[in-house]
């Protein structure tokens, strides 16, 4: 009779000890709280700094911001938190807990760096990208882009420069303004349906869609918390038919909206890791966010499935001839290979090697932008700087990581599975290699 009693006692002790947070977990949660409060305070001095917050209301700053940026105080507090993280005993951490520790270190390094930049410190494009996004952007020679332009030169008929011929050709594929809403909502509905088949999205998840003007970007997702988003689309310039699925996936499903909802569901609510309730835009989280949002386009609409849906649904809704779809996407595929030319323009412009006008001309030549759109893009460089790497380098790093895990194009179910795990857990660029 004593043995069962002893076993029962040990069982109760084991359960109680399992439910008790370790000293390291308590320490991490304390650092997490101070990190969130620091990020929110910094956000008072830069409207772009905090992209989303859905944590405790009482953690928000209550006092009025100072007349001048208290950069020394912010930098000291970030440094102190980094020192505390260095002393955390992670010996018994699970792989996921170790990822949490690594990520908050990288996030805090980015926060500290951004404050230094706000205070006037300068970094080269590559230094900034490493400190803010934990990534090392590749370099390309002009000869690389010139050879790609030759392919487009052969594919585009007509007279004039390549960019002039492309503009004339692409004008057939502009979505009329009075059809924009119908086309976008059809694209978003299909993207959501495809994502929900694999992710089992939260029942209450939803978004509001707005059309705006005078922005340096084409689309933006403002995550509100509780699986809700505000998605804004910029209508300053003509919107081409391929942008419907691109933006539906990138801003919505399985992009930013889903990414933030999964982090909230799994890490903030599921594990109580409150540091994920705040999203500092200029941080390693953005490379994963933008990279996964761009990669998610091909996950949701792989290969011929995209063209089929567009020909049957979106082209007719927009009043565009669906018989022209195949050729259009062949040219888009050639154009997409020039994507990194935008990074080179940003690097040279931000490193003060070329002027704004020269950067715009570069974008006109290598990305085939019209003059006014090229100038708009230089505004993006001014506002977001090296953030540009997150879209293409982020996409390529995410793609390589998922393929290494078995999520190849010929294994679509596995690809969705690995993609969901990536979106639901802490990752930074250096951890994807």
Protein backbone atom coordinates (compact mmCIF):
# COMPACT_ATOMS: atom_id res chain seq x y z
CA UNK A 1 0.00 0.00 0.00
CA UNK A 2 2.91 2.38 0.61
CA UNK A 3 4.38 2.06 -2.89
CA UNK A 4 1.30 3.43 -4.72
CA UNK A 5 1.09 6.25 -2.19
CA UNK A 6 4.74 7.10 -2.81
CA UNK A 7 4.23 7.01 -6.59
CA UNK A 8 1.20 9.26 -6.24
CA UNK A 9 3.21 11.76 -4.19
CA UNK A 10 6.03 11.76 -6.75
CA UNK A 11 3.49 12.22 -9.55
CA UNK A 12 1.98 15.28 -7.82
CA UNK A 13 5.47 16.72 -7.21
CA UNK A 14 6.39 16.14 -10.87
CA UNK A 15 3.25 17.91 -12.09
CA UNK A 16 3.81 20.88 -9.79
CA UNK A 17 7.44 21.20 -10.79
CA UNK A 18 6.51 21.04 -14.50
CA UNK A 19 4.02 23.86 -14.11
CA UNK A 20 6.47 26.14 -12.31
CA UNK A 21 8.38 28.53 -14.58
CA UNK A 22 12.15 28.21 -14.46
CA UNK A 23 14.30 31.09 -13.27
CA UNK A 24 15.52 31.62 -16.85
CA UNK A 25 11.95 31.77 -18.17
CA UNK A 26 11.00 34.37 -15.54
CA UNK A 27 14.11 36.36 -16.49
CA UNK A 28 13.29 36.14 -20.20
CA UNK A 29 9.73 37.33 -19.57
CA UNK A 30 11.03 40.28 -17.56
CA UNK A 31 13.45 41.24 -20.33
CA UNK A 32 10.63 40.80 -22.84
CA UNK A 33 8.42 43.27 -20.98
CA UNK A 34 11.17 45.88 -20.80
CA UNK A 35 11.94 45.34 -24.49
CA UNK A 36 8.31 45.96 -25.47
CA UNK A 37 8.09 49.11 -23.36
CA UNK A 38 11.35 50.41 -24.85
CA UNK A 39 10.16 49.80 -28.43
CA UNK A 40 6.87 51.58 -27.75
CA UNK A 41 8.66 54.59 -26.27
CA UNK A 42 10.98 54.84 -29.28
CA UNK A 43 7.95 54.65 -31.53
CA UNK A 44 6.79 58.01 -30.18
CA UNK A 45 9.68 59.62 -32.09
CA UNK A 46 9.29 57.83 -35.44
CA UNK A 47 5.85 56.99 -36.81
CA UNK A 48 7.28 54.15 -38.94
CA UNK A 49 9.14 52.45 -36.09
CA UNK A 50 6.30 50.43 -34.51
CA UNK A 51 4.45 48.54 -37.23
CA UNK A 52 2.02 46.78 -34.88
CA UNK A 53 1.25 46.40 -31.18
CA UNK A 54 -1.40 44.24 -29.55
CA UNK A 55 0.01 43.64 -26.09
CA UNK A 56 -1.10 44.91 -22.67
CA UNK A 57 -2.59 48.38 -22.78
CA UNK A 58 -0.79 49.36 -19.59
CA UNK A 59 2.60 48.87 -21.26
CA UNK A 60 2.01 51.79 -23.60
CA UNK A 61 3.80 55.08 -22.75
CA UNK A 62 1.65 57.33 -20.62
CA UNK A 63 3.68 60.54 -20.52
CA UNK A 64 4.15 63.03 -23.35
CA UNK A 65 7.21 62.57 -25.52
CA UNK A 66 10.15 64.92 -24.96
CA UNK A 67 10.98 67.77 -27.31
CA UNK A 68 14.16 65.97 -28.42
CA UNK A 69 14.90 62.29 -28.94
CA UNK A 70 16.39 60.87 -25.69
CA UNK A 71 18.74 58.71 -27.75
CA UNK A 72 21.35 58.15 -25.02
CA UNK A 73 18.73 56.82 -22.63
CA UNK A 74 17.27 54.51 -25.28
CA UNK A 75 20.70 53.21 -26.32
CA UNK A 76 21.71 52.60 -22.69
CA UNK A 77 18.51 50.69 -22.01
CA UNK A 78 18.90 48.57 -25.14
CA UNK A 79 22.52 47.83 -24.20
CA UNK A 80 21.50 46.89 -20.66
CA UNK A 81 18.89 44.44 -21.97
CA UNK A 82 21.45 42.92 -24.32
CA UNK A 83 23.82 42.46 -21.37
CA UNK A 84 21.03 40.77 -19.39
CA UNK A 85 20.33 38.43 -22.30
CA UNK A 86 24.01 37.47 -22.43
CA UNK A 87 23.75 36.31 -18.82
CA UNK A 88 20.62 34.19 -19.27
CA UNK A 89 21.32 30.55 -18.45
CA UNK A 90 20.05 28.71 -21.52
CA UNK A 91 21.51 25.32 -20.62
CA UNK A 92 18.10 23.65 -20.26
CA UNK A 93 16.41 25.51 -23.11
CA UNK A 94 14.53 23.65 -25.79
CA UNK A 95 15.38 24.42 -29.42
CA UNK A 96 12.37 26.73 -29.59
CA UNK A 97 13.38 28.58 -26.40
CA UNK A 98 16.89 28.99 -27.79
CA UNK A 99 15.40 30.46 -30.97
CA UNK A 100 13.44 32.87 -28.81
CA UNK A 101 16.61 33.98 -27.03
CA UNK A 102 18.54 34.39 -30.29
CA UNK A 103 15.78 36.38 -31.90
CA UNK A 104 15.27 38.88 -29.10
CA UNK A 105 19.04 39.50 -29.13
CA UNK A 106 18.91 40.26 -32.85
CA UNK A 107 15.79 42.40 -32.42
CA UNK A 108 17.42 44.44 -29.66
CA UNK A 109 20.57 44.94 -31.74
CA UNK A 110 18.36 46.33 -34.50
CA UNK A 111 16.47 48.57 -32.07
CA UNK A 112 19.73 49.98 -30.72
CA UNK A 113 21.07 50.52 -34.24
CA UNK A 114 17.93 52.30 -35.39
CA UNK A 115 18.06 54.70 -32.44
CA UNK A 116 21.70 55.43 -33.30
CA UNK A 117 20.59 56.22 -36.86
CA UNK A 118 17.77 58.43 -35.60
CA UNK A 119 20.39 60.28 -33.55
CA UNK A 120 22.51 60.92 -36.64
CA UNK A 121 24.93 57.99 -36.88
CA UNK A 122 25.63 56.81 -40.43
CA UNK A 123 26.17 53.27 -41.66
CA UNK A 124 26.90 51.99 -45.12
CA UNK A 125 24.07 50.17 -46.88
CA UNK A 126 25.61 46.77 -46.13
CA UNK A 127 26.41 47.58 -42.49
CA UNK A 128 22.88 48.83 -41.94
CA UNK A 129 21.36 45.71 -43.54
CA UNK A 130 23.44 43.45 -41.31
CA UNK A 131 22.65 45.29 -38.07
CA UNK A 132 18.95 45.86 -38.76
CA UNK A 133 17.98 42.71 -40.64
CA UNK A 134 20.68 40.15 -39.76
CA UNK A 135 21.40 39.75 -43.47
CA UNK A 136 24.25 40.26 -45.93
CA UNK A 137 22.91 41.56 -49.24
CA UNK A 138 24.65 40.23 -52.38
CA UNK A 139 26.40 42.48 -54.91
CA UNK A 140 25.91 42.32 -58.68
CA UNK A 141 27.88 43.89 -61.51
CA UNK A 142 26.13 45.93 -64.18
CA UNK A 143 27.08 43.30 -66.74
CA UNK A 144 24.74 40.86 -64.95
CA UNK A 145 21.74 43.13 -65.45
CA UNK A 146 22.77 44.15 -68.96
CA UNK A 147 22.74 40.51 -70.07
CA UNK A 148 19.24 40.08 -68.61
CA UNK A 149 18.08 43.20 -70.43
CA UNK A 150 19.20 41.62 -73.69
CA UNK A 151 16.71 38.79 -73.15
CA UNK A 152 13.92 41.32 -72.69
CA UNK A 153 15.12 43.25 -75.71
CA UNK A 154 14.53 40.18 -77.88
CA UNK A 155 11.12 39.46 -76.29
CA UNK A 156 9.65 42.94 -76.80
CA UNK A 157 8.73 44.07 -80.29
CA UNK A 158 8.30 47.64 -81.47
CA UNK A 159 10.48 50.73 -81.54
CA UNK A 160 12.18 52.78 -78.84
CA UNK A 161 14.08 51.82 -75.70
CA UNK A 162 13.36 48.61 -73.84
CA UNK A 163 11.53 50.51 -71.09
CA UNK A 164 9.44 52.41 -73.67
CA UNK A 165 8.51 49.21 -75.47
CA UNK A 166 7.68 47.49 -72.19
CA UNK A 167 5.47 50.40 -71.08
CA UNK A 168 3.57 50.31 -74.36
CA UNK A 169 3.11 46.53 -74.14
CA UNK A 170 2.15 46.48 -70.44
CA UNK A 171 -0.48 49.20 -70.90
CA UNK A 172 -2.84 46.47 -72.17
CA UNK A 173 -2.79 44.87 -68.72
CA UNK A 174 -3.78 47.79 -66.48
CA UNK A 175 -6.78 47.13 -64.23
CA UNK A 176 -9.38 49.89 -64.83
CA UNK A 177 -10.00 51.89 -61.66
CA UNK A 178 -13.70 51.07 -61.63
CA UNK A 179 -12.85 47.34 -61.63
CA UNK A 180 -10.04 47.43 -59.04
CA UNK A 181 -12.15 46.49 -56.05
CA UNK A 182 -13.87 43.56 -57.76
CA UNK A 183 -10.55 42.19 -59.04
CA UNK A 184 -8.73 42.55 -55.72
CA UNK A 185 -11.53 41.05 -53.68
CA UNK A 186 -11.71 38.06 -56.04
CA UNK A 187 -7.95 37.55 -55.71
CA UNK A 188 -8.03 37.86 -51.91
CA UNK A 189 -10.99 35.48 -51.60
CA UNK A 190 -9.19 32.82 -53.62
CA UNK A 191 -5.90 33.34 -51.75
CA UNK A 192 -7.72 32.98 -48.43
CA UNK A 193 -9.52 29.81 -49.56
CA UNK A 194 -6.26 28.18 -50.63
CA UNK A 195 -4.48 29.19 -47.42
CA UNK A 196 -7.31 28.02 -45.15
CA UNK A 197 -7.20 24.55 -46.71
CA UNK A 198 -3.72 24.10 -45.25
CA UNK A 199 -3.58 26.41 -42.22
CA UNK A 200 -7.02 26.13 -40.62
CA UNK A 201 -7.11 29.89 -39.99
CA UNK A 202 -8.63 31.37 -36.81
CA UNK A 203 -12.42 31.59 -37.17
CA UNK A 204 -12.52 35.29 -36.31
CA UNK A 205 -9.71 36.38 -38.64
CA UNK A 206 -10.64 39.20 -41.01
CA UNK A 207 -9.40 42.36 -42.69
CA UNK A 208 -10.62 45.74 -43.90
CA UNK A 209 -9.56 46.90 -47.37
CA UNK A 210 -8.91 50.56 -48.21
CA UNK A 211 -7.64 52.39 -51.29
CA UNK A 212 -5.24 55.27 -50.57
CA UNK A 213 -2.97 57.80 -52.31
CA UNK A 214 0.32 59.64 -51.87
CA UNK A 215 2.32 56.76 -50.41
CA UNK A 216 5.85 55.53 -51.16
CA UNK A 217 4.63 51.91 -51.22
CA UNK A 218 2.10 49.95 -53.31
CA UNK A 219 0.41 48.05 -50.48
CA UNK A 220 0.56 47.87 -46.67
CA UNK A 221 -0.85 45.65 -43.95
CA UNK A 222 -1.52 47.24 -40.57
CA UNK A 223 -2.06 44.31 -38.21
CA UNK A 224 -4.56 45.21 -35.46
CA UNK A 225 -4.31 42.16 -33.21
CA UNK A 226 -6.96 39.51 -32.52
CA UNK A 227 -6.45 38.22 -36.09
CA UNK A 228 -7.63 41.50 -37.65
CA UNK A 229 -5.83 43.61 -40.28
CA UNK A 230 -6.24 46.83 -42.22
CA UNK A 231 -4.94 46.37 -45.76
CA UNK A 232 -4.30 49.52 -47.79
CA UNK A 233 -3.59 49.62 -51.54
CA UNK A 234 -2.01 52.67 -53.15
CA UNK A 235 -3.70 53.87 -56.34
CA UNK A 236 -1.27 56.67 -57.23
CA UNK A 237 -0.21 54.83 -60.39
CA UNK A 238 -1.82 52.32 -62.77
CA UNK A 239 -2.10 48.84 -61.20
CA UNK A 240 -1.30 45.95 -63.49
CA UNK A 241 -3.20 42.67 -63.47
CA UNK A 242 -0.40 40.60 -61.90
CA UNK A 243 -0.42 42.86 -58.85
CA UNK A 244 -3.86 41.57 -57.82
CA UNK A 245 -2.59 38.14 -56.80
CA UNK A 246 0.79 39.53 -55.71
CA UNK A 247 -0.79 41.96 -53.24
CA UNK A 248 -3.61 39.62 -52.21
CA UNK A 249 -1.04 37.04 -51.13
CA UNK A 250 1.65 39.41 -49.87
CA UNK A 251 -0.54 41.62 -47.70
CA UNK A 252 -3.15 38.98 -46.91
CA UNK A 253 -3.01 35.21 -47.47
CA UNK A 254 -0.60 33.59 -46.73
CA UNK A 255 1.40 36.79 -46.23
CA UNK A 256 1.47 39.50 -43.57
CA UNK A 257 -2.05 39.01 -42.23
CA UNK A 258 -1.53 35.28 -41.70
CA UNK A 259 2.05 35.66 -40.44
CA UNK A 260 1.01 38.08 -37.71
CA UNK A 261 -2.08 36.06 -36.80
CA UNK A 262 0.00 32.88 -36.38
CA UNK A 263 2.64 34.65 -34.24
CA UNK A 264 -0.11 36.08 -32.06
CA UNK A 265 -1.90 32.75 -31.77
CA UNK A 266 1.15 30.53 -31.16
CA UNK A 267 3.73 32.71 -29.42
CA UNK A 268 1.89 35.60 -27.73
CA UNK A 269 -1.25 33.77 -26.65
CA UNK A 270 0.02 30.18 -26.68
CA UNK A 271 3.35 30.71 -24.92
CA UNK A 272 3.00 34.11 -23.32
CA UNK A 273 6.02 35.50 -25.19
CA UNK A 274 4.94 39.12 -25.10
CA UNK A 275 7.91 40.41 -27.13
CA UNK A 276 6.04 39.20 -30.22
CA UNK A 277 3.13 41.50 -29.41
CA UNK A 278 5.18 44.42 -30.73
CA UNK A 279 6.65 44.59 -34.22
CA UNK A 280 9.50 47.08 -34.69
CA UNK A 281 9.60 47.52 -38.45
CA UNK A 282 13.34 48.02 -38.82
CA UNK A 283 14.30 44.64 -37.40
CA UNK A 284 15.12 41.04 -38.42
CA UNK A 285 11.43 40.14 -38.14
CA UNK A 286 10.82 42.20 -41.28
CA UNK A 287 13.08 40.08 -43.45
CA UNK A 288 11.08 37.00 -42.53
CA UNK A 289 7.79 38.90 -42.87
CA UNK A 290 8.52 40.34 -46.31
CA UNK A 291 10.39 37.31 -47.58
CA UNK A 292 7.67 34.87 -46.57
CA UNK A 293 4.96 37.18 -47.94
CA UNK A 294 6.65 37.20 -51.36
CA UNK A 295 7.45 33.49 -51.29
CA UNK A 296 3.87 32.76 -50.26
CA UNK A 297 2.63 33.97 -53.64
CA UNK A 298 4.12 30.90 -55.33
CA UNK A 299 3.01 28.63 -52.49
CA UNK A 300 -0.62 29.67 -52.90
CA UNK A 301 -0.59 29.95 -56.70
CA UNK A 302 2.12 27.64 -58.07
CA UNK A 303 2.99 27.70 -61.77
CA UNK A 304 0.12 27.03 -64.12
CA UNK A 305 -2.47 27.26 -61.34
CA UNK A 306 -1.95 31.01 -61.19
CA UNK A 307 -2.31 31.56 -64.93
CA UNK A 308 -5.37 29.31 -65.03
CA UNK A 309 -7.13 31.27 -62.25
CA UNK A 310 -6.21 34.61 -63.76
CA UNK A 311 -7.41 33.63 -67.24
CA UNK A 312 -10.69 32.23 -65.93
CA UNK A 313 -11.46 34.85 -63.25
CA UNK A 314 -9.27 37.94 -62.96
CA UNK A 315 -8.63 38.82 -66.61
CA UNK A 316 -12.36 38.73 -67.46
CA UNK A 317 -13.21 40.75 -64.31
CA UNK A 318 -10.69 43.39 -65.39
CA UNK A 319 -11.87 43.36 -68.99
CA UNK A 320 -8.46 42.16 -70.24
CA UNK A 321 -8.08 39.58 -73.01
CA UNK A 322 -7.18 36.27 -71.28
CA UNK A 323 -5.59 34.96 -74.47
CA UNK A 324 -2.68 37.30 -73.85
CA UNK A 325 -1.89 35.89 -70.40
CA UNK A 326 0.80 33.34 -71.32
CA UNK A 327 2.96 35.77 -73.27
CA UNK A 328 2.52 38.45 -70.60
CA UNK A 329 3.76 36.13 -67.86
CA UNK A 330 6.70 34.98 -69.95
CA UNK A 331 7.79 38.61 -70.15
CA UNK A 332 7.08 39.12 -66.43
CA UNK A 333 9.33 36.16 -65.66
CA UNK A 334 12.17 37.77 -67.62
CA UNK A 335 11.56 41.10 -65.89
CA UNK A 336 11.55 39.48 -62.43
CA UNK A 337 15.17 38.36 -62.96
CA UNK A 338 16.17 42.03 -62.84
CA UNK A 339 14.75 42.40 -59.33
CA UNK A 340 18.08 42.83 -57.55
CA UNK A 341 18.87 45.87 -59.70
CA UNK A 342 16.62 47.81 -57.33
CA UNK A 343 18.87 46.87 -54.41
CA UNK A 344 21.93 48.11 -56.30
CA UNK A 345 20.19 51.43 -57.01
CA UNK A 346 19.30 51.78 -53.33
CA UNK A 347 22.83 50.88 -52.21
CA UNK A 348 24.47 53.43 -54.51
CA UNK A 349 21.92 56.13 -53.69
CA UNK A 350 22.05 55.66 -49.91
CA UNK A 351 25.86 55.42 -49.97
CA UNK A 352 25.78 58.80 -51.79
CA UNK A 353 27.48 57.39 -54.88
CA UNK A 354 24.65 58.56 -57.16
CA UNK A 355 21.99 61.28 -57.01
CA UNK A 356 18.23 60.82 -56.74
CA UNK A 357 17.88 61.55 -60.46
CA UNK A 358 20.57 58.97 -61.31
CA UNK A 359 18.89 56.39 -59.06
CA UNK A 360 15.57 57.04 -60.82
CA UNK A 361 17.21 56.64 -64.23
CA UNK A 362 18.73 53.36 -63.04
CA UNK A 363 15.27 52.12 -62.07
CA UNK A 364 13.83 53.23 -65.40
CA UNK A 365 16.52 51.30 -67.27
CA UNK A 366 16.82 48.12 -65.24
CA UNK A 367 13.38 47.71 -63.63
CA UNK A 368 11.54 49.29 -66.59
CA UNK A 369 9.80 51.82 -64.35
CA UNK A 370 8.08 54.84 -65.82
CA UNK A 371 9.71 58.13 -64.77
CA UNK A 372 7.16 59.12 -62.12
CA UNK A 373 7.08 55.62 -60.62
CA UNK A 374 10.89 55.57 -60.46
CA UNK A 375 10.90 58.82 -58.51
CA UNK A 376 8.26 57.38 -56.17
CA UNK A 377 10.60 54.45 -55.52
CA UNK A 378 13.41 56.80 -54.51
CA UNK A 379 11.01 58.18 -51.89
CA UNK A 380 10.79 54.62 -50.56
CA UNK A 381 14.61 54.54 -50.37
CA UNK A 382 14.53 57.76 -48.33
CA UNK A 383 11.87 56.49 -45.95
CA UNK A 384 12.85 52.84 -45.52
CA UNK A 385 16.49 52.72 -46.67
CA UNK A 386 18.04 49.22 -46.70
CA UNK A 387 14.61 47.70 -45.98
CA UNK A 388 14.48 46.99 -49.74
CA UNK A 389 16.54 43.80 -49.26
CA UNK A 390 13.77 42.16 -47.28
CA UNK A 391 11.59 41.61 -50.34
CA UNK A 392 13.93 39.75 -52.69
CA UNK A 393 16.76 38.52 -50.46
CA UNK A 394 14.16 37.59 -47.84
CA UNK A 395 12.13 35.69 -50.43
CA UNK A 396 15.18 33.78 -51.66
CA UNK A 397 16.36 32.88 -48.15
CA UNK A 398 12.88 31.65 -47.21
CA UNK A 399 12.62 29.66 -50.45
CA UNK A 400 16.00 27.99 -49.95
CA UNK A 401 15.19 27.15 -46.33
CA UNK A 402 11.83 25.58 -47.15
CA UNK A 403 13.24 23.59 -50.05
CA UNK A 404 16.02 22.23 -47.81
CA UNK A 405 13.30 21.01 -45.44
CA UNK A 406 11.69 19.07 -48.29
CA UNK A 407 9.15 21.72 -49.30
CA UNK A 408 9.93 21.59 -53.00
CA UNK A 409 7.57 22.50 -55.84
CA UNK A 410 6.82 18.82 -56.53
CA UNK A 411 5.86 18.33 -52.85
CA UNK A 412 3.18 21.02 -52.41
CA UNK A 413 1.67 19.58 -49.20
CA UNK A 414 5.10 19.39 -47.57
CA UNK A 415 5.83 22.92 -48.73
CA UNK A 416 2.65 24.24 -47.06
CA UNK A 417 3.53 22.30 -43.89
CA UNK A 418 7.08 23.67 -43.61
CA UNK A 419 5.87 27.15 -44.53
CA UNK A 420 3.35 27.16 -41.69
CA UNK A 421 6.00 26.07 -39.18
CA UNK A 422 8.28 28.87 -40.40
CA UNK A 423 5.53 31.48 -39.98
CA UNK A 424 4.62 30.25 -36.49
CA UNK A 425 8.07 30.36 -34.87
CA UNK A 426 10.98 32.76 -34.20
CA UNK A 427 13.43 33.03 -37.11
CA UNK A 428 16.00 35.50 -38.43
CA UNK A 429 17.97 35.53 -41.68
CA UNK A 430 21.19 34.02 -40.32
CA UNK A 431 19.20 31.11 -38.88
CA UNK A 432 17.78 30.22 -42.30
CA UNK A 433 21.16 29.35 -43.82
